[in-house]
C-alpha atoms as a PDB file:
ATOM      1  CA  MET A   1     136.851   2.680  63.914  1.00  0.00           C
ATOM      2  CA  ALA A   2     137.418  -0.562  64.453  1.00  0.00           C
ATOM      3  CA  THR A   3     134.323  -3.067  64.148  1.00  0.00           C
ATOM      4  CA  GLU A   4     132.808  -4.578  67.471  1.00  0.00           C
ATOM      5  CA  ALA A   5     134.212  -7.978  66.148  1.00  0.00           C
ATOM      6  CA  GLU A   6     137.825  -6.688  65.682  1.00  0.00           C
ATOM      7  CA  GLN A   7     140.060  -7.867  68.297  1.00  0.00           C
ATOM      8  CA  LEU A   8     142.844  -5.747  70.051  1.00  0.00           C
ATOM      9  CA  PRO A   9     146.026  -7.693  70.021  1.00  0.00           C
ATOM     10  CA  LEU A  10     147.048  -5.086  72.710  1.00  0.00           C
ATOM     11  CA  LEU A  11     145.213  -6.844  75.580  1.00  0.00           C
ATOM     12  CA  GLN A  12     147.644 -10.232  74.905  1.00  0.00           C
ATOM     13  CA  LEU A  13     150.492  -8.030  75.777  1.00  0.00           C
ATOM     14  CA  ALA A  14     152.312  -8.699  79.239  1.00  0.00           C
ATOM     15  CA  GLU A  15     152.660  -4.852  79.988  1.00  0.00           C
ATOM     16  CA  LEU A  16     150.995  -1.280  77.732  1.00  0.00           C
ATOM     17  CA  THR A  17     152.734   2.011  77.346  1.00  0.00           C
ATOM     18  CA  ALA A  18     150.700   4.797  77.978  1.00  0.00           C
ATOM     19  CA  ALA A  19     149.993   5.598  74.687  1.00  0.00           C
ATOM     20  CA  GLN A  20     148.898   1.660  73.952  1.00  0.00           C
ATOM     21  CA  PHE A  21     146.789   2.011  77.374  1.00  0.00           C
ATOM     22  CA  ILE A  22     144.716   4.874  75.457  1.00  0.00           C
ATOM     23  CA  ASP A  23     144.729   2.897  72.134  1.00  0.00           C
ATOM     24  CA  ILE A  24     142.683   0.595  74.103  1.00  0.00           C
ATOM     25  CA  TRP A  25     140.824   3.149  76.070  1.00  0.00           C
ATOM     26  CA  LYS A  26     139.567   4.978  72.640  1.00  0.00           C
ATOM     27  CA  HIS A  27     138.854   1.330  71.208  1.00  0.00           C
ATOM     28  CA  PHE A  28     136.409   0.445  73.666  1.00  0.00           C
ATOM     29  CA  ASP A  29     134.773   3.869  74.656  1.00  0.00           C
ATOM     30  CA  THR A  30     133.350   4.296  71.286  1.00  0.00           C
ATOM     31  CA  ASP A  31     131.189   7.447  71.906  1.00  0.00           C
ATOM     32  CA  GLY A  32     134.023   9.140  73.865  1.00  0.00           C
ATOM     33  CA  ASN A  33     131.700   9.860  76.860  1.00  0.00           C
ATOM     34  CA  GLY A  34     134.735   8.583  79.305  1.00  0.00           C
ATOM     35  CA  TYR A  35     132.934   5.859  80.318  1.00  0.00           C
ATOM     36  CA  ILE A  36     133.108   1.961  78.827  1.00  0.00           C
ATOM     37  CA  GLU A  37     129.457   0.791  79.298  1.00  0.00           C
ATOM     38  CA  GLY A  38     126.659  -1.148  77.958  1.00  0.00           C
ATOM     39  CA  LYS A  39     127.476  -3.079  74.566  1.00  0.00           C
ATOM     40  CA  GLU A  40     130.829  -1.352  75.380  1.00  0.00           C
ATOM     41  CA  LEU A  41     131.489  -2.882  78.236  1.00  0.00           C
ATOM     42  CA  GLU A  42     130.124  -6.609  77.016  1.00  0.00           C
ATOM     43  CA  ASN A  43     132.750  -6.178  74.072  1.00  0.00           C
ATOM     44  CA  PHE A  44     135.628  -4.844  75.989  1.00  0.00           C
ATOM     45  CA  PHE A  45     134.966  -8.241  78.598  1.00  0.00           C
ATOM     46  CA  THR A  46     134.717 -10.424  75.588  1.00  0.00           C
ATOM     47  CA  GLN A  47     138.214  -9.419  74.171  1.00  0.00           C
ATOM     48  CA  LEU A  48     139.552  -9.390  77.616  1.00  0.00           C
ATOM     49  CA  GLU A  49     138.870 -12.814  78.243  1.00  0.00           C
ATOM     50  CA  SER A  50     139.624 -14.084  75.056  1.00  0.00           C
ATOM     51  CA  ALA A  51     143.002 -12.599  75.392  1.00  0.00           C
ATOM     52  CA  ARG A  52     143.614 -14.079  79.045  1.00  0.00           C
ATOM     53  CA  ARG A  53     142.636 -17.626  77.755  1.00  0.00           C
ATOM     54  CA  GLY A  54     143.868 -17.868  74.393  1.00  0.00           C
ATOM     55  CA  ALA A  55     140.531 -18.846  73.078  1.00  0.00           C
ATOM     56  CA  GLY A  56     137.006 -17.280  71.903  1.00  0.00           C
ATOM     57  CA  VAL A  57     134.131 -16.891  74.617  1.00  0.00           C
ATOM     58  CA  ASP A  58     130.542 -17.171  74.277  1.00  0.00           C
ATOM     59  CA  PRO A  59     129.289 -13.818  75.615  1.00  0.00           C
ATOM     60  CA  SER A  60     125.450 -15.396  76.025  1.00  0.00           C
ATOM     61  CA  HIS A  61     126.435 -18.560  78.537  1.00  0.00           C
ATOM     62  CA  ALA A  62     125.847 -18.208  81.664  1.00  0.00           C
ATOM     63  CA  SER A  63     129.149 -18.803  83.002  1.00  0.00           C
ATOM     64  CA  PHE A  64     130.521 -15.765  81.069  1.00  0.00           C
ATOM     65  CA  LYS A  65     127.837 -13.688  82.458  1.00  0.00           C
ATOM     66  CA  GLU A  66     128.785 -14.834  86.052  1.00  0.00           C
ATOM     67  CA  LYS A  67     132.285 -13.671  85.541  1.00  0.00           C
ATOM     68  CA  MET A  68     131.571 -10.278  84.210  1.00  0.00           C
ATOM     69  CA  ARG A  69     129.506 -10.037  87.645  1.00  0.00           C
ATOM     70  CA  GLU A  70     132.441 -10.947  89.473  1.00  0.00           C
ATOM     71  CA  PHE A  71     134.837  -8.644  87.635  1.00  0.00           C
ATOM     72  CA  MET A  72     132.465  -5.578  88.171  1.00  0.00           C
ATOM     73  CA  ALA A  73     132.275  -6.559  91.701  1.00  0.00           C
ATOM     74  CA  ASN A  74     136.181  -6.141  91.389  1.00  0.00           C
ATOM     75  CA  PHE A  75     136.923  -3.366  89.395  1.00  0.00           C
ATOM     76  CA  ASP A  76     133.515  -1.043  89.537  1.00  0.00           C
ATOM     77  CA  LYS A  77     134.698   0.587  92.666  1.00  0.00           C
ATOM     78  CA  ASN A  78     131.797   2.946  92.855  1.00  0.00           C
ATOM     79  CA  SER A  79     128.925   0.742  91.569  1.00  0.00           C
ATOM     80  CA  ASP A  80     127.991   2.568  88.571  1.00  0.00           C
ATOM     81  CA  GLY A  81     127.654  -0.712  86.601  1.00  0.00           C
ATOM     82  CA  ARG A  82     130.389   0.920  83.985  1.00  0.00           C
ATOM     83  CA  ILE A  83     134.245   1.493  83.673  1.00  0.00           C
ATOM     84  CA  GLU A  84     136.062   4.554  83.828  1.00  0.00           C
ATOM     85  CA  MET A  85     139.553   5.499  83.172  1.00  0.00           C
ATOM     86  CA  SER A  86     140.967   4.974  86.463  1.00  0.00           C
ATOM     87  CA  GLU A  87     139.139   1.885  87.130  1.00  0.00           C
ATOM     88  CA  LEU A  88     140.761   0.640  83.846  1.00  0.00           C
ATOM     89  CA  ALA A  89     144.075   1.565  84.927  1.00  0.00           C
ATOM     90  CA  GLN A  90     143.426  -1.206  87.845  1.00  0.00           C
ATOM     91  CA  ILE A  91     142.547  -3.771  85.397  1.00  0.00           C
ATOM     92  CA  LEU A  92     145.158  -3.739  82.750  1.00  0.00           C
ATOM     93  CA  PRO A  93     149.133  -3.889  82.894  1.00  0.00           C
ATOM     94  CA  THR A  94     150.429  -0.302  82.381  1.00  0.00           C
ATOM     95  CA  GLU A  95     153.765   0.789  82.098  1.00  0.00           C
ATOM     96  CA  GLU A  96     154.729   1.982  85.307  1.00  0.00           C
ATOM     97  CA  ASN A  97     150.797   2.117  85.514  1.00  0.00           C
ATOM     98  CA  PHE A  98     150.683   5.283  84.172  1.00  0.00           C
ATOM     99  CA  LEU A  99     147.372   6.282  85.570  1.00  0.00           C
ATOM    100  CA  LEU A 100     147.776   4.601  89.244  1.00  0.00           C
ATOM    101  CA  CYS A 101     150.924   6.547  89.285  1.00  0.00           C
ATOM    102  CA  PHE A 102     148.918   9.633  88.855  1.00  0.00           C
ATOM    103  CA  ARG A 103     146.401   8.337  91.857  1.00  0.00           C
ATOM    104  CA  GLU A 104     149.868   8.334  93.978  1.00  0.00           C
ATOM    105  CA  PHE A 105     150.849  11.659  92.698  1.00  0.00           C
ATOM    106  CA  VAL A 106     147.322  12.969  93.599  1.00  0.00           C
ATOM    107  CA  GLY A 107     145.668  11.578  96.570  1.00  0.00           C
ATOM    108  CA  SER A 108     143.315  14.063  97.005  1.00  0.00           C
ATOM    109  CA  SER A 109     141.181  16.316  95.418  1.00  0.00           C
ATOM    110  CA  ALA A 110     143.000  19.618  97.167  1.00  0.00           C
ATOM    111  CA  GLU A 111     146.619  18.456  95.794  1.00  0.00           C
ATOM    112  CA  PHE A 112     145.053  18.313  92.413  1.00  0.00           C
ATOM    113  CA  MET A 113     143.057  21.773  92.923  1.00  0.00           C
ATOM    114  CA  ASN A 114     146.808  22.754  94.223  1.00  0.00           C
ATOM    115  CA  ALA A 115     148.282  22.006  91.424  1.00  0.00           C
ATOM    116  CA  TRP A 116     145.900  22.775  88.461  1.00  0.00           C
ATOM    117  CA  ARG A 117     145.283  26.576  89.985  1.00  0.00           C
ATOM    118  CA  LYS A 118     149.275  27.292  89.742  1.00  0.00           C
ATOM    119  CA  TYR A 119     148.467  26.754  85.757  1.00  0.00           C
ATOM    120  CA  ASP A 120     144.613  28.355  85.599  1.00  0.00           C
ATOM    121  CA  THR A 121     145.355  31.800  86.449  1.00  0.00           C
ATOM    122  CA  ASP A 122     142.371  33.251  85.232  1.00  0.00           C
ATOM    123  CA  ARG A 123     140.042  30.557  86.546  1.00  0.00           C
ATOM    124  CA  SER A 124     138.606  29.654  83.287  1.00  0.00           C
ATOM    125  CA  GLY A 125     138.490  25.829  84.060  1.00  0.00           C
ATOM    126  CA  TYR A 126     141.189  25.533  81.586  1.00  0.00           C
ATOM    127  CA  ILE A 127     144.766  25.172  81.071  1.00  0.00           C
ATOM    128  CA  GLU A 128     147.033  25.669  77.752  1.00  0.00           C
ATOM    129  CA  SER A 129     148.095  22.313  76.286  1.00  0.00           C
ATOM    130  CA  ASN A 130     151.621  24.096  76.208  1.00  0.00           C
ATOM    131  CA  GLU A 131     151.420  24.566  80.149  1.00  0.00           C
ATOM    132  CA  LEU A 132     150.571  20.537  80.755  1.00  0.00           C
ATOM    133  CA  LYS A 133     153.954  19.394  80.842  1.00  0.00           C
ATOM    134  CA  GLY A 134     154.441  22.129  83.942  1.00  0.00           C
ATOM    135  CA  PHE A 135     151.410  20.593  85.172  1.00  0.00           C
ATOM    136  CA  LEU A 136     152.658  16.978  85.081  1.00  0.00           C
ATOM    137  CA  SER A 137     155.992  18.020  86.184  1.00  0.00           C
ATOM    138  CA  ASP A 138     154.551  19.285  89.542  1.00  0.00           C
ATOM    139  CA  LEU A 139     152.489  16.380  90.096  1.00  0.00           C
ATOM    140  CA  LEU A 140     155.683  14.070  89.476  1.00  0.00           C
ATOM    141  CA  LYS A 141     157.717  16.527  91.814  1.00  0.00           C
ATOM    142  CA  LYS A 142     155.366  16.420  94.401  1.00  0.00           C
ATOM    143  CA  ALA A 143     155.084  12.536  94.707  1.00  0.00           C
ATOM    144  CA  ASN A 144     158.638  12.275  94.758  1.00  0.00           C
ATOM    145  CA  ARG A 145     158.894  10.620  91.533  1.00  0.00           C
ATOM    146  CA  ILE A 146     162.231  10.157  89.666  1.00  0.00           C
ATOM    147  CA  TYR A 147     161.423  10.686  85.906  1.00  0.00           C
ATOM    148  CA  ASP A 148     163.555  12.219  82.809  1.00  0.00           C
ATOM    149  CA  ASP A 149     162.464  14.645  80.022  1.00  0.00           C
ATOM    150  CA  LYS A 150     161.727  11.929  77.791  1.00  0.00           C
ATOM    151  CA  ARG A 151     158.860  10.043  80.081  1.00  0.00           C
ATOM    152  CA  LEU A 152     157.454  13.514  80.883  1.00  0.00           C
ATOM    153  CA  THR A 153     157.001  14.211  77.129  1.00  0.00           C
ATOM    154  CA  GLU A 154     155.357  11.163  76.293  1.00  0.00           C
ATOM    155  CA  TYR A 155     152.932  11.431  79.232  1.00  0.00           C
ATOM    156  CA  THR A 156     152.333  15.021  78.333  1.00  0.00           C
ATOM    157  CA  GLN A 157     151.797  13.638  74.618  1.00  0.00           C
ATOM    158  CA  THR A 158     149.630  10.732  76.384  1.00  0.00           C
ATOM    159  CA  ILE A 159     147.485  13.250  78.262  1.00  0.00           C
ATOM    160  CA  LEU A 160     146.960  15.539  75.088  1.00  0.00           C
ATOM    161  CA  ARG A 161     145.387  12.299  73.102  1.00  0.00           C
ATOM    162  CA  MET A 162     142.998  11.752  76.093  1.00  0.00           C
ATOM    163  CA  PHE A 163     141.236  15.138  76.500  1.00  0.00           C
ATOM    164  CA  ASP A 164     142.402  17.922  73.665  1.00  0.00           C
ATOM    165  CA  LEU A 165     139.701  15.633  71.451  1.00  0.00           C
ATOM    166  CA  ASN A 166     138.852  19.096  69.357  1.00  0.00           C
ATOM    167  CA  GLY A 167     142.726  20.001  69.214  1.00  0.00           C
ATOM    168  CA  ASP A 168     141.859  23.763  70.282  1.00  0.00           C
ATOM    169  CA  GLY A 169     144.681  23.602  72.662  1.00  0.00           C
ATOM    170  CA  LYS A 170     142.902  23.615  75.812  1.00  0.00           C
ATOM    171  CA  LEU A 171     142.567  20.979  78.457  1.00  0.00           C
ATOM    172  CA  GLY A 172     139.393  21.583  80.695  1.00  0.00           C
ATOM    173  CA  LEU A 173     139.225  20.702  84.547  1.00  0.00           C
ATOM    174  CA  SER A 174     136.677  18.445  84.078  1.00  0.00           C
ATOM    175  CA  GLU A 175     138.596  16.354  81.375  1.00  0.00           C
ATOM    176  CA  MET A 176     141.564  15.988  83.855  1.00  0.00           C
ATOM    177  CA  ALA A 177     139.742  15.464  86.961  1.00  0.00           C
ATOM    178  CA  ARG A 178     139.023  11.931  85.080  1.00  0.00           C
ATOM    179  CA  LEU A 179     142.669  11.161  86.164  1.00  0.00           C
ATOM    180  CA  LEU A 180     141.579  11.324  90.045  1.00  0.00           C
ATOM    181  CA  PRO A 181     140.949   7.971  92.061  1.00  0.00           C
ATOM    182  CA  VAL A 182     136.948   7.621  91.946  1.00  0.00           C
ATOM    183  CA  GLN A 183     136.498   7.905  95.027  1.00  0.00           C
ATOM    184  CA  GLU A 184     138.403  11.035  95.245  1.00  0.00           C
ATOM    185  CA  ASN A 185     136.981  12.394  91.784  1.00  0.00           C
ATOM    186  CA  PHE A 186     134.971  15.365  93.026  1.00  0.00           C
ATOM    187  CA  LEU A 187     132.793  15.273  89.802  1.00  0.00           C
ATOM    188  CA  LEU A 188     131.319  12.258  90.327  1.00  0.00           C
ATOM    189  CA  LYS A 189     130.609  13.011  93.927  1.00  0.00           C
ATOM    190  CA  PHE A 190     127.821  15.308  92.830  1.00  0.00           C
ATOM    191  CA  GLN A 191     126.048  13.372  89.969  1.00  0.00           C
ATOM    192  CA  GLY A 192     123.078  13.325  91.938  1.00  0.00           C
ATOM    193  CA  ILE A 193     122.819  17.225  91.859  1.00  0.00           C
ATOM    194  CA  ARG A 194     123.021  18.627  88.560  1.00  0.00           C
ATOM    195  CA  LEU A 195     121.663  22.188  87.734  1.00  0.00           C
ATOM    196  CA  THR A 196     121.295  24.060  84.057  1.00  0.00           C
ATOM    197  CA  VAL A 197     123.683  26.823  84.093  1.00  0.00           C
ATOM    198  CA  LYS A 198     120.564  29.429  84.639  1.00  0.00           C
ATOM    199  CA  GLU A 199     119.352  27.338  87.906  1.00  0.00           C
ATOM    200  CA  PHE A 200     123.187  27.720  89.108  1.00  0.00           C
ATOM    201  CA  ASP A 201     123.629  31.453  88.082  1.00  0.00           C
ATOM    202  CA  SER A 202     120.700  31.876  90.025  1.00  0.00           C
ATOM    203  CA  LEU A 203     121.620  29.798  93.133  1.00  0.00           C
ATOM    204  CA  PHE A 204     125.425  31.010  93.370  1.00  0.00           C
ATOM    205  CA  THR A 205     124.216  35.127  92.923  1.00  0.00           C
ATOM    206  CA  PHE A 206     121.596  34.398  95.532  1.00  0.00           C
ATOM    207  CA  TYR A 207     124.536  33.289  98.319  1.00  0.00           C
ATOM    208  CA  ASP A 208     127.145  35.740  96.837  1.00  0.00           C
ATOM    209  CA  LYS A 209     126.045  38.630  98.871  1.00  0.00           C
ATOM    210  CA  ASP A 210     128.628  40.696  97.762  1.00  0.00           C
ATOM    211  CA  GLY A 211     129.646  39.611  94.025  1.00  0.00           C
ATOM    212  CA  ASN A 212     132.621  39.035  94.281  1.00  0.00           C
ATOM    213  CA  GLY A 213     132.732  35.629  92.723  1.00  0.00           C
ATOM    214  CA  TYR A 214     133.250  33.612  95.140  1.00  0.00           C
ATOM    215  CA  ILE A 215     131.286  32.148  98.245  1.00  0.00           C
ATOM    216  CA  ASP A 216     133.086  31.005 101.520  1.00  0.00           C
ATOM    217  CA  GLU A 217     132.448  27.714 104.027  1.00  0.00           C
ATOM    218  CA  GLN A 218     129.953  28.833 106.223  1.00  0.00           C
ATOM    219  CA  GLU A 219     127.943  29.967 103.011  1.00  0.00           C
ATOM    220  CA  LEU A 220     128.484  26.662 101.371  1.00  0.00           C
ATOM    221  CA  ASP A 221     126.199  24.886 104.553  1.00  0.00           C
ATOM    222  CA  ALA A 222     123.064  26.685 103.244  1.00  0.00           C
ATOM    223  CA  LEU A 223     123.660  26.116  99.469  1.00  0.00           C
ATOM    224  CA  LEU A 224     124.398  22.495  99.619  1.00  0.00           C
ATOM    225  CA  LYS A 225     121.044  22.117 101.932  1.00  0.00           C
ATOM    226  CA  ASP A 226     119.237  24.404  99.453  1.00  0.00           C
ATOM    227  CA  LEU A 227     120.759  22.026  96.341  1.00  0.00           C
ATOM    228  CA  CYS A 228     119.747  19.142  98.054  1.00  0.00           C
ATOM    229  CA  ASP A 229     116.191  20.118  98.355  1.00  0.00           C
ATOM    230  CA  LYS A 230     115.881  21.237  94.878  1.00  0.00           C
ATOM    231  CA  ASN A 231     116.925  18.179  93.673  1.00  0.00           C
ATOM    232  CA  LYS A 232     114.693  16.049  96.098  1.00  0.00           C
ATOM    233  CA  MET A 233     117.554  14.431  97.536  1.00  0.00           C
ATOM    234  CA  ASP A 234     116.949  12.721 101.022  1.00  0.00           C
ATOM    235  CA  VAL A 235     120.385  13.400 102.445  1.00  0.00           C
ATOM    236  CA  ASP A 236     121.465  13.361 106.410  1.00  0.00           C
ATOM    237  CA  ALA A 237     124.158  15.438 108.282  1.00  0.00           C
ATOM    238  CA  THR A 238     126.280  12.884 107.222  1.00  0.00           C
ATOM    239  CA  GLY A 239     125.657  13.031 103.694  1.00  0.00           C
ATOM    240  CA  LEU A 240     126.121  17.116 103.816  1.00  0.00           C
ATOM    241  CA  VAL A 241     129.415  16.510 105.568  1.00  0.00           C
ATOM    242  CA  ASP A 242     130.869  14.491 102.837  1.00  0.00           C
ATOM    243  CA  TYR A 243     129.251  16.759  99.969  1.00  0.00           C
ATOM    244  CA  LYS A 244     130.686  20.103 101.819  1.00  0.00           C
ATOM    245  CA  LYS A 245     134.199  18.128 102.136  1.00  0.00           C
ATOM    246  CA  SER A 246     133.977  16.952  97.960  1.00  0.00           C
ATOM    247  CA  ILE A 247     133.248  20.609  97.323  1.00  0.00           C
ATOM    248  CA  MET A 248     135.664  22.246  99.942  1.00  0.00           C
ATOM    249  CA  ALA A 249     138.684  20.355  97.572  1.00  0.00           C
ATOM    250  CA  LEU A 250     137.875  23.278  95.161  1.00  0.00           C
ATOM    251  CA  SER A 251     138.290  25.916  97.527  1.00  0.00           C
ATOM    252  CA  ASP A 252     141.555  28.266  97.506  1.00  0.00           C
ATOM    253  CA  GLY A 253     141.892  29.224 101.118  1.00  0.00           C
ATOM    254  CA  GLY A 254     138.428  28.769 101.989  1.00  0.00           C
ATOM    255  CA  LYS A 255     136.847  30.498  98.569  1.00  0.00           C
ATOM    256  CA  LEU A 256     134.534  28.771  96.202  1.00  0.00           C
ATOM    257  CA  TYR A 257     134.855  30.524  92.773  1.00  0.00           C
ATOM    258  CA  ARG A 258     132.132  30.561  90.849  1.00  0.00           C
ATOM    259  CA  THR A 259     133.854  29.156  87.467  1.00  0.00           C
ATOM    260  CA  GLU A 260     134.664  25.905  89.137  1.00  0.00           C
ATOM    261  CA  MET A 261     131.714  25.143  91.173  1.00  0.00           C
ATOM    262  CA  GLU A 262     130.254  25.613  87.576  1.00  0.00           C
ATOM    263  CA  ILE A 263     132.002  22.882  86.582  1.00  0.00           C
ATOM    264  CA  VAL A 264     131.202  20.136  89.495  1.00  0.00           C
ATOM    265  CA  LEU A 265     127.272  21.600  89.737  1.00  0.00           C
ATOM    266  CA  CYS A 266     125.942  22.167  85.882  1.00  0.00           C
ATOM    267  CA  ARG A 267     125.073  19.670  83.718  1.00  0.00           C
ATOM    268  CA  ASP A 268     124.895  21.434  80.590  1.00  0.00           C
ATOM    269  CA  SER A 269     128.380  23.761  81.440  1.00  0.00           C
ATOM    270  CA  MET A 270     130.571  24.617  78.508  1.00  0.00           C
ATOM    271  CA  LEU A 271     133.165  25.175  80.844  1.00  0.00           C
END
């Protein structure tokens, strides 16, 4: 693991390959939680400023702190005080802007899920790594993006480096959803509503009256209201409509399946 003081020469490049972008991400996301935050964020901004200015900076200086506030105001799109992968893609000059390409390819959660379901046929919340190339190819075709097999292979290998951290050959829906733009990431929309698996099972079973493994749009209204009440969230009618729109992106023909909802709503899901 690189030390905090160690400089990352990649930040000085005029353009990054997809692989170099991931090297930078892993360098600063030291705890691997999917965010650059806290001390990681200060280290990132310190090195970014040093690379851009060609000289050292003093993180304790008032002008540095003001520049960092301006930086976060520009790039922290959901104002949560940390940088996500899709936000970092806006900051660094990535070759053909790899992640921004995917933001174009997958304009909404619904498009992402339509491509995902073609490969996650058993609704386990995972696709096998050997299916990833086909999944990415489908996303590229959807956007009428021209690509060759060499570029597709590079993108595939880069995604594997991002998400298959334990090398088990599986890629999770909750991880892959990080490719989505912040405002379209259905996982982020529900950060304030996080249940245990036991709580989720009880709630889902209550609304899945016939036990067929899914609920429909009509049942969702009552379920969401119940969720907000349980989490003591003061959500008005407009807020409930927004939540409903986000979660319906997961639906398949108006059906919301247990495994996909569990990924979104459970804080300790193993999916």
